[in-house]
N, C-alpha and C. Protein backbone atom coordinates (compact mmCIF):
# COMPACT_ATOMS: atom_id res chain seq x y z
N MET A 1 238.90 148.77 101.09
CA MET A 1 239.56 148.39 102.14
C MET A 1 238.61 147.91 103.28
N TYR A 2 239.27 146.89 104.00
CA TYR A 2 238.52 146.31 105.26
C TYR A 2 238.53 146.90 106.43
N ARG A 3 237.59 147.07 106.97
CA ARG A 3 237.55 147.81 108.33
C ARG A 3 237.90 146.66 109.76
N ILE A 4 238.31 147.15 110.72
CA ILE A 4 238.70 146.13 111.91
C ILE A 4 237.96 146.62 112.86
N ALA A 5 237.41 145.54 113.61
CA ALA A 5 236.45 145.87 114.78
C ALA A 5 236.89 145.13 116.08
N VAL A 6 236.64 145.57 117.28
CA VAL A 6 236.89 144.93 118.40
C VAL A 6 235.75 144.73 119.22
N LEU A 7 235.54 143.63 119.85
CA LEU A 7 234.21 143.25 120.81
C LEU A 7 234.72 142.89 121.99
N GLY A 8 234.19 143.33 123.15
CA GLY A 8 234.55 142.78 124.46
C GLY A 8 234.07 143.80 125.41
N ASP A 9 234.46 143.52 126.72
CA ASP A 9 234.17 144.36 127.78
C ASP A 9 234.84 145.97 127.40
N TYR A 10 234.13 147.16 127.83
CA TYR A 10 234.52 148.20 127.75
C TYR A 10 236.08 148.32 127.87
N ASP A 11 236.50 148.14 129.45
CA ASP A 11 237.70 148.52 129.87
C ASP A 11 238.78 147.57 129.19
N SER A 12 238.47 146.64 128.34
CA SER A 12 239.39 145.87 127.73
C SER A 12 239.58 146.27 126.35
N ILE A 13 238.57 147.21 125.72
CA ILE A 13 238.79 147.54 124.30
C ILE A 13 238.85 148.84 124.02
N TYR A 14 238.85 149.64 124.82
CA TYR A 14 238.49 151.09 124.77
C TYR A 14 239.77 151.67 124.12
N GLY A 15 240.88 151.20 124.45
CA GLY A 15 242.07 151.74 124.05
C GLY A 15 242.30 151.54 122.40
N PHE A 16 241.81 150.53 121.97
CA PHE A 16 241.84 150.33 120.49
C PHE A 16 241.44 151.37 119.80
N SER A 17 240.50 152.16 120.22
CA SER A 17 239.83 153.14 119.27
C SER A 17 240.95 154.32 118.98
N ALA A 18 241.90 154.52 120.00
CA ALA A 18 242.93 155.22 119.60
C ALA A 18 243.94 154.82 118.40
N LEU A 19 243.77 153.56 117.96
CA LEU A 19 244.57 153.05 117.20
C LEU A 19 243.69 153.24 115.65
N GLY A 20 242.42 153.88 115.86
CA GLY A 20 241.75 153.58 114.63
C GLY A 20 240.80 152.54 114.39
N LEU A 21 240.65 151.52 115.39
CA LEU A 21 239.83 150.57 115.12
C LEU A 21 238.28 150.83 115.71
N ASP A 22 237.39 150.40 115.19
CA ASP A 22 236.00 150.29 115.51
C ASP A 22 235.83 149.57 116.76
N ILE A 23 235.31 150.17 117.94
CA ILE A 23 235.03 149.29 119.14
C ILE A 23 233.50 149.10 119.38
N PHE A 24 233.28 148.13 119.69
CA PHE A 24 231.81 147.68 120.16
C PHE A 24 231.70 147.00 121.51
N PRO A 25 231.62 147.91 122.46
CA PRO A 25 231.39 147.17 123.89
C PRO A 25 230.40 146.40 123.82
N GLN A 26 230.56 145.11 124.25
CA GLN A 26 229.63 143.88 124.62
C GLN A 26 229.98 143.06 125.62
N GLU A 27 229.06 142.83 126.47
CA GLU A 27 229.07 141.98 127.68
C GLU A 27 228.18 140.76 127.66
N ASP A 28 227.03 141.02 126.93
CA ASP A 28 226.26 139.91 126.87
C ASP A 28 226.44 139.20 125.56
N PRO A 29 226.52 137.87 125.74
CA PRO A 29 226.99 136.99 124.64
C PRO A 29 225.89 136.91 123.56
N LYS A 30 224.79 137.02 123.89
CA LYS A 30 223.77 136.94 122.66
C LYS A 30 223.91 138.29 122.05
N GLU A 31 223.90 139.27 122.53
CA GLU A 31 224.10 140.73 121.78
C GLU A 31 225.33 140.64 121.09
N ALA A 32 226.32 139.99 121.64
CA ALA A 32 227.71 140.20 120.82
C ALA A 32 227.65 139.24 119.83
N ALA A 33 226.99 138.13 119.68
CA ALA A 33 226.72 137.24 118.74
C ALA A 33 225.96 137.75 117.33
N LYS A 34 225.04 138.81 118.01
CA LYS A 34 224.39 139.46 116.97
C LYS A 34 225.15 140.63 116.24
N LYS A 35 225.91 141.30 117.28
CA LYS A 35 226.76 142.18 116.61
C LYS A 35 227.90 141.71 115.75
N LEU A 36 228.50 140.48 115.84
CA LEU A 36 229.47 139.63 115.10
C LEU A 36 228.81 139.52 113.81
N HIS A 37 227.71 138.93 113.77
CA HIS A 37 226.72 138.85 112.48
C HIS A 37 226.78 140.15 111.74
N GLU A 38 226.29 140.96 112.26
CA GLU A 38 226.26 142.32 111.57
C GLU A 38 227.70 142.86 111.08
N LEU A 39 228.49 142.80 111.72
CA LEU A 39 230.02 143.23 111.14
C LEU A 39 230.54 142.14 110.24
N ALA A 40 230.23 140.95 110.32
CA ALA A 40 230.47 140.15 109.17
C ALA A 40 229.73 140.48 107.89
N GLU A 41 228.78 140.91 108.10
CA GLU A 41 227.77 141.27 106.89
C GLU A 41 228.19 142.53 106.35
N SER A 42 228.62 143.39 107.10
CA SER A 42 228.94 144.80 106.73
C SER A 42 230.52 145.08 106.25
N GLY A 43 231.04 144.14 106.03
CA GLY A 43 232.48 144.36 105.33
C GLY A 43 233.66 144.44 106.29
N TYR A 44 233.56 143.96 107.39
CA TYR A 44 234.56 144.08 108.30
C TYR A 44 235.39 142.81 108.14
N GLY A 45 237.03 143.19 107.88
CA GLY A 45 237.89 142.14 107.49
C GLY A 45 238.45 141.22 108.74
N VAL A 46 238.53 142.14 109.77
CA VAL A 46 239.12 141.54 110.92
C VAL A 46 238.21 141.78 112.12
N VAL A 47 237.85 140.95 113.01
CA VAL A 47 237.12 141.16 114.37
C VAL A 47 238.05 140.43 115.32
N TYR A 48 238.57 141.50 116.30
CA TYR A 48 239.01 141.01 117.47
C TYR A 48 238.08 140.85 118.49
N ILE A 49 238.07 139.78 119.36
CA ILE A 49 237.06 139.54 120.33
C ILE A 49 237.94 139.09 121.72
N THR A 50 237.64 139.58 122.85
CA THR A 50 238.05 139.30 123.98
C THR A 50 237.80 137.72 124.35
N GLU A 51 239.10 137.15 124.98
CA GLU A 51 238.81 135.72 125.15
C GLU A 51 237.77 135.35 126.11
N LYS A 52 237.36 136.21 127.02
CA LYS A 52 236.29 135.87 128.24
C LYS A 52 235.09 135.88 127.18
N LEU A 53 234.84 137.03 126.25
CA LEU A 53 233.43 136.94 125.64
C LEU A 53 233.44 135.72 124.68
N ALA A 54 234.49 135.68 124.00
CA ALA A 54 234.54 134.58 122.99
C ALA A 54 234.19 133.15 123.81
N ALA A 55 234.61 132.96 124.95
CA ALA A 55 234.21 131.64 125.58
C ALA A 55 232.87 131.40 125.68
N GLU A 56 232.04 132.53 125.80
CA GLU A 56 230.67 132.54 126.13
C GLU A 56 230.01 132.59 124.62
N MET A 57 230.46 132.64 123.59
CA MET A 57 229.71 132.90 122.61
C MET A 57 230.61 132.00 121.31
N ASP A 58 230.86 130.66 121.76
CA ASP A 58 231.66 129.81 120.97
C ASP A 58 230.85 129.46 119.60
N ALA A 59 229.76 129.07 119.72
CA ALA A 59 228.61 128.63 118.58
C ALA A 59 228.79 129.91 117.45
N ALA A 60 228.51 130.92 117.84
CA ALA A 60 228.48 132.13 116.88
C ALA A 60 229.87 132.28 116.20
N ILE A 61 230.94 132.19 116.82
CA ILE A 61 232.22 132.21 116.40
C ILE A 61 232.55 131.03 115.56
N GLU A 62 232.16 130.01 115.80
CA GLU A 62 232.24 128.66 114.92
C GLU A 62 231.75 128.88 113.37
N LYS A 63 230.56 129.73 113.44
CA LYS A 63 229.93 129.78 112.08
C LYS A 63 230.80 130.67 111.00
N TYR A 64 231.85 131.04 111.46
CA TYR A 64 232.72 131.99 110.70
C TYR A 64 234.25 131.35 110.87
N ARG A 65 234.25 130.36 111.38
CA ARG A 65 235.77 129.73 111.32
C ARG A 65 236.06 129.09 109.89
N GLU A 66 235.17 128.64 109.22
CA GLU A 66 235.56 128.38 107.92
C GLU A 66 235.57 129.39 106.84
N ARG A 67 235.25 130.52 106.92
CA ARG A 67 234.99 131.47 106.11
C ARG A 67 236.48 132.38 105.87
N VAL A 68 236.68 132.96 104.91
CA VAL A 68 237.93 133.57 104.77
C VAL A 68 237.82 134.99 105.49
N LEU A 69 236.41 135.61 105.62
CA LEU A 69 236.26 137.00 105.99
C LEU A 69 235.07 136.66 106.85
N PRO A 70 235.00 137.32 108.03
CA PRO A 70 236.01 138.14 108.78
C PRO A 70 237.10 137.25 109.45
N ALA A 71 238.46 137.45 109.56
CA ALA A 71 239.16 136.73 110.38
C ALA A 71 238.86 137.13 111.97
N ILE A 72 238.42 136.20 112.56
CA ILE A 72 238.23 136.33 114.06
C ILE A 72 239.36 135.97 115.00
N ILE A 73 239.76 136.90 115.70
CA ILE A 73 241.07 136.72 116.35
C ILE A 73 240.90 137.17 117.91
N LEU A 74 241.26 136.08 118.82
CA LEU A 74 240.95 136.02 120.21
C LEU A 74 241.97 136.84 120.92
N ILE A 75 241.68 137.81 121.85
CA ILE A 75 242.71 138.47 122.44
C ILE A 75 242.52 138.60 124.00
N PRO A 76 243.56 138.86 124.80
CA PRO A 76 243.27 138.82 126.24
C PRO A 76 242.61 140.14 126.68
N GLY A 77 241.76 140.09 127.74
CA GLY A 77 241.12 141.18 128.19
C GLY A 77 241.79 141.63 129.52
N VAL A 78 241.35 142.57 130.15
CA VAL A 78 241.84 143.15 131.56
C VAL A 78 241.99 142.08 132.46
N SER A 79 241.09 141.11 132.54
CA SER A 79 240.98 139.97 133.30
C SER A 79 242.09 139.01 132.99
N GLY A 80 243.11 139.16 132.17
CA GLY A 80 244.28 138.24 131.93
C GLY A 80 244.15 137.35 130.64
N ASN A 81 245.10 136.58 130.41
CA ASN A 81 245.23 135.76 129.24
C ASN A 81 244.71 134.41 129.63
N THR A 82 243.82 133.80 129.13
CA THR A 82 243.32 132.31 129.40
C THR A 82 244.02 131.39 128.41
N GLY A 83 244.71 131.79 127.45
CA GLY A 83 245.62 130.80 126.43
C GLY A 83 244.48 130.54 125.34
N GLN A 84 243.11 130.88 125.46
CA GLN A 84 242.40 130.49 124.30
C GLN A 84 242.76 131.03 123.08
N GLY A 85 243.25 132.32 122.97
CA GLY A 85 243.64 132.79 121.62
C GLY A 85 244.69 132.13 120.92
N THR A 86 245.94 131.88 121.82
CA THR A 86 247.01 131.12 121.53
C THR A 86 246.61 129.74 120.73
N GLN A 87 245.59 129.08 121.56
CA GLN A 87 244.97 127.70 120.80
C GLN A 87 244.23 127.86 119.78
N SER A 88 243.61 129.08 119.68
CA SER A 88 242.72 129.34 118.37
C SER A 88 243.74 129.40 117.09
N VAL A 89 244.79 130.15 117.34
CA VAL A 89 245.72 130.34 116.28
C VAL A 89 246.30 129.24 115.91
N ARG A 90 246.75 128.42 116.79
CA ARG A 90 247.42 127.22 116.70
C ARG A 90 246.60 126.19 115.91
N ARG A 91 245.27 126.05 116.11
CA ARG A 91 244.20 125.38 115.39
C ARG A 91 244.08 125.83 113.95
N SER A 92 244.14 127.10 113.73
CA SER A 92 244.13 127.62 112.47
C SER A 92 245.49 127.18 111.66
N VAL A 93 246.54 127.53 112.15
CA VAL A 93 247.82 127.15 111.44
C VAL A 93 247.95 125.75 111.18
N GLU A 94 247.40 124.84 112.13
CA GLU A 94 247.49 123.30 111.99
C GLU A 94 246.63 123.06 110.60
N GLN A 95 245.46 123.46 110.64
CA GLN A 95 244.54 123.38 109.64
C GLN A 95 245.13 123.88 108.17
N ALA A 96 245.79 124.92 108.25
CA ALA A 96 246.33 125.39 107.03
C ALA A 96 247.34 124.47 106.61
N VAL A 97 248.21 124.15 107.35
CA VAL A 97 249.57 123.48 107.09
C VAL A 97 249.45 121.92 107.12
N GLY A 98 248.46 121.66 107.91
CA GLY A 98 248.22 120.25 107.91
C GLY A 98 249.11 119.33 109.10
N SER A 99 249.66 120.16 109.92
CA SER A 99 250.39 119.62 111.10
C SER A 99 250.68 120.57 112.17
N ASP A 100 250.95 120.18 113.29
CA ASP A 100 251.33 121.21 114.42
C ASP A 100 252.69 121.53 114.34
N ILE A 101 252.90 122.86 113.83
CA ILE A 101 254.11 123.52 113.50
C ILE A 101 255.10 123.52 114.90
N LEU A 102 254.26 123.69 115.79
CA LEU A 102 254.98 123.96 117.33
C LEU A 102 255.51 122.72 117.81
N PHE A 103 255.01 121.52 117.63
CA PHE A 103 255.20 120.18 118.05
C PHE A 103 256.77 120.14 117.84
N SER A 104 257.64 119.84 118.71
CA SER A 104 258.99 119.46 118.67
C SER A 104 259.40 118.26 119.54
N LYS A 105 260.22 117.60 118.80
CA LYS A 105 260.47 116.20 119.63
C LYS A 105 261.83 116.31 120.24
């Protein structure tokens, strides 16, 4: 069974531990990129990352975009929603189905 991790600033992620998810408070993008690599290599199936942190570690996340595992999902933090998570999901769906399913005429 795969484990689920959450990366981001402590205030944004501490509540996820009550749900049984493993939290890894990170604010430094370089340290977060190292932790992401460790998590990916140690059997985590899903890694949630706050949008603010993800914006600062785009290159590290990009390395895992074509891989099946771990699924990297961006979530809003306490500072609010930037829309980056929604755009990320939209790109993934578009890549999977070949078109933008949310586009309407």
